[in-house]
Every structure is written in structure tokens, then in C-alpha cells.
């Protein structure tokens, strides 16, 4: 049974998080296919603030990677380079 694109995207996201580590306030990881074997992977974080009258959550892309995968769905190249930061 062939691997679906969703499964490949999920595998890519997992590999990026394993390489980078889990940032504080991690909100989401998105992977968008941008070529035959290329993905843009964004690491989203949430910052929460509160005042006496309201509560606010702001989201930001903390890290962004352009990755190329091999035939098995493993990351072969990453820009910037994947480094353990957390």
C-alpha cells in the first residue's frame, strides 16, 4: 500500500521536531508540499497575555524550514540546517 501525502507530511513534521526539539508554547507544526520532494515546515508558537479585562493569544511562526526528502520520506536537506535548540 503506497504512503499517502498526508502520511509523508506527518513524517516530515515529526523529523523536524525531533531535530529541533519542542519549543516552549508550541502551538502547531504545519508542512506544506511545495515541490515533488520539497516541503515548507513552519513551527508555530503561542504567547498568551492577560489584562484585568481580557485575555489574548498571539501566534507566530517561531521557525521555518524548507526541506527536501529522499525516496523513503526522510529529510535529505534542510534550509536552515536542523539543529537541536530545545
Protein backbone atom coordinates (compact mmCIF):
# COMPACT_ATOMS: atom_id res chain seq x y z
CA UNK A 1 0.00 0.00 0.00
CA UNK A 2 1.56 3.33 -1.02
CA UNK A 3 2.18 6.05 1.54
CA UNK A 4 -0.23 9.00 1.25
CA UNK A 5 0.89 12.62 1.03
CA UNK A 6 -0.64 13.27 4.47
CA UNK A 7 1.48 10.46 5.92
CA UNK A 8 4.61 11.88 4.30
CA UNK A 9 3.82 15.39 5.61
CA UNK A 10 3.27 13.95 9.10
CA UNK A 11 6.59 12.12 8.92
CA UNK A 12 8.38 15.30 7.80
CA UNK A 13 6.86 17.30 10.70
CA UNK A 14 7.95 14.62 13.18
CA UNK A 15 11.50 14.62 11.83
CA UNK A 16 11.76 18.41 12.04
CA UNK A 17 10.53 18.42 15.65
CA UNK A 18 12.93 15.63 16.59
CA UNK A 19 15.82 17.59 15.08
CA UNK A 20 14.82 20.95 16.55
CA UNK A 21 13.30 19.88 19.85
CA UNK A 22 9.99 21.10 21.26
CA UNK A 23 9.85 24.88 21.65
CA UNK A 24 8.09 26.34 24.69
CA UNK A 25 4.48 27.27 23.94
CA UNK A 26 4.40 25.03 20.84
CA UNK A 27 1.04 25.59 19.15
CA UNK A 28 1.23 23.75 15.82
CA UNK A 29 3.54 22.36 13.16
CA UNK A 30 2.50 22.70 9.53
CA UNK A 31 4.07 21.11 6.46
CA UNK A 32 3.07 22.27 3.01
CA UNK A 33 4.28 20.44 -0.09
CA UNK A 34 5.92 22.93 -2.45
CA UNK A 35 7.55 20.60 -4.97
CA UNK A 36 7.94 16.96 -5.93
CA UNK A 37 10.00 16.22 -2.80
CA UNK A 38 10.05 19.60 -1.06
CA UNK A 39 8.14 20.95 1.94
CA UNK A 40 7.87 24.24 3.80
CA UNK A 41 7.63 23.39 7.51
CA UNK A 42 6.52 26.09 9.97
CA UNK A 43 6.77 25.80 13.75
CA UNK A 44 4.02 27.93 15.35
CA UNK A 45 4.13 29.12 18.96
CA UNK A 46 1.51 30.86 21.07
CA UNK A 47 2.05 33.69 23.51
CA UNK A 48 -0.69 34.45 25.96
CA UNK A 49 -1.26 37.71 27.75
CA UNK A 50 -3.98 38.88 30.04
CA UNK A 51 -5.16 42.15 31.49
CA UNK A 52 -7.81 42.86 34.04
CA UNK A 53 -10.44 42.89 31.28
CA UNK A 54 -9.34 40.49 28.56
CA UNK A 55 -7.25 37.53 27.56
CA UNK A 56 -5.25 37.47 24.32
CA UNK A 57 -3.33 34.76 22.47
CA UNK A 58 -0.97 35.73 19.68
CA UNK A 59 0.51 33.20 17.27
CA UNK A 60 3.79 33.46 15.44
CA UNK A 61 5.99 31.34 13.22
CA UNK A 62 8.94 30.73 15.52
CA UNK A 63 10.90 28.64 13.00
CA UNK A 64 10.53 27.93 9.30
CA UNK A 65 12.35 25.29 7.26
CA UNK A 66 12.49 24.37 3.60
CA UNK A 67 13.22 20.64 3.43
CA UNK A 68 13.82 18.13 0.68
CA UNK A 69 13.10 14.45 1.26
CA UNK A 70 14.55 11.26 -0.20
CA UNK A 71 12.58 8.37 -1.75
CA UNK A 72 11.80 6.97 1.71
CA UNK A 73 10.37 10.23 3.07
CA UNK A 74 13.40 11.08 5.20
CA UNK A 75 14.79 14.61 5.26
CA UNK A 76 17.82 14.77 2.98
CA UNK A 77 18.35 18.56 3.08
CA UNK A 78 17.13 21.41 5.27
CA UNK A 79 17.43 25.18 4.97
CA UNK A 80 18.29 26.37 7.51
CA UNK A 81 20.10 23.36 8.89
CA UNK A 82 18.18 21.45 11.56
CA UNK A 83 19.86 21.96 14.94
CA UNK A 84 18.71 20.94 18.38
CA UNK A 85 17.65 24.17 20.09
CA UNK A 86 15.33 22.85 22.79
